[in-house]
Amino acid sequence: MTLTAVYKKFPEGYAAFVEELPGANTQGATLEEARANLVEAVVLILEANRKLSEESLGGEDVIRENLELPA
């Protein structure tokens, strides 16, 4: 799966977000910094979502499996 990163240049640097993942947004003084910050934001969002999901299930009997998305 590939996500789409969008970068917008401002006088102060770059704003960045991922089109497919609401809440994944950040900024950076340089494009490279914005890219690195965006990767970190995506990882943190996915980790937080996983933790919230696990907590909401509260030990219920569920099936977990990897989901492969088509290219």
Protein backbone atom coordinates (compact mmCIF):
# COMPACT_ATOMS: atom_id res chain seq x y z
CA MET A 1 0.00 0.00 0.00
CA THR A 2 1.25 3.47 -0.82
CA LEU A 3 0.00 6.61 0.88
CA THR A 4 -0.05 10.05 -0.72
CA ALA A 5 1.97 12.76 1.01
CA VAL A 6 1.14 16.36 0.12
CA TYR A 7 3.56 19.21 0.83
CA LYS A 8 2.70 22.89 0.63
CA LYS A 9 5.45 25.50 0.68
CA PHE A 10 5.13 28.56 2.90
CA PRO A 11 7.66 31.32 3.59
CA GLU A 12 8.42 29.63 6.94
CA GLY A 13 8.85 26.12 5.51
CA TYR A 14 6.49 23.30 4.53
CA ALA A 15 3.17 21.97 5.75
CA ALA A 16 2.54 18.30 5.08
CA PHE A 17 -0.32 15.82 5.32
CA VAL A 18 -1.34 12.37 4.13
CA GLU A 19 -4.47 12.34 1.97
CA GLU A 20 -5.61 8.88 3.05
CA LEU A 21 -5.05 9.25 6.79
CA PRO A 22 -6.98 12.00 8.58
CA GLY A 23 -4.94 13.61 11.32
CA ALA A 24 -1.57 12.81 9.75
CA ASN A 25 -0.24 16.30 9.31
CA THR A 26 2.85 18.19 10.33
CA GLN A 27 5.31 20.86 9.25
CA GLY A 28 9.01 21.41 8.84
CA ALA A 29 11.48 24.17 8.10
CA THR A 30 12.72 22.19 5.08
CA LEU A 31 11.10 19.64 2.79
CA GLU A 32 13.34 16.92 4.23
CA GLU A 33 12.29 17.83 7.78
CA ALA A 34 8.61 17.85 6.80
CA ARG A 35 9.01 14.40 5.20
CA ALA A 36 10.66 12.96 8.30
CA ASN A 37 8.05 14.54 10.57
CA LEU A 38 5.25 13.13 8.41
CA VAL A 39 6.61 9.59 8.62
CA GLU A 40 6.77 9.97 12.40
CA ALA A 41 3.20 11.31 12.51
CA VAL A 42 1.88 8.35 10.50
CA VAL A 43 3.66 5.84 12.74
CA LEU A 44 2.33 7.52 15.89
CA ILE A 45 -1.24 7.63 14.56
CA LEU A 46 -1.19 3.95 13.59
CA GLU A 47 0.27 2.95 16.98
CA ALA A 48 -2.33 5.04 18.84
CA ASN A 49 -5.19 3.62 16.76
CA ARG A 50 -4.01 0.07 17.42
CA LYS A 51 -3.81 0.73 21.17
CA LEU A 52 -7.28 2.32 21.25
CA SER A 53 -8.71 -0.63 19.33
CA GLU A 54 -7.13 -3.15 21.71
CA GLU A 55 -8.42 -1.24 24.73
CA SER A 56 -11.94 -0.98 23.32
CA LEU A 57 -12.09 -4.75 22.78
CA GLY A 58 -11.22 -5.36 26.42
CA GLY A 59 -9.97 -8.93 26.00
CA GLU A 60 -12.87 -10.10 23.85
CA ASP A 61 -12.37 -13.19 21.70
CA VAL A 62 -11.52 -11.77 18.27
CA ILE A 63 -9.62 -12.82 15.17
CA ARG A 64 -6.72 -10.61 14.07
CA GLU A 65 -5.03 -11.02 10.71
CA ASN A 66 -2.93 -9.00 8.31
CA LEU A 67 -4.87 -7.26 5.58
CA GLU A 68 -3.16 -7.14 2.21
CA LEU A 69 -4.38 -4.30 0.02
CA PRO A 70 -4.21 -4.47 -3.76
CA ALA A 71 -1.69 -2.31 -5.54
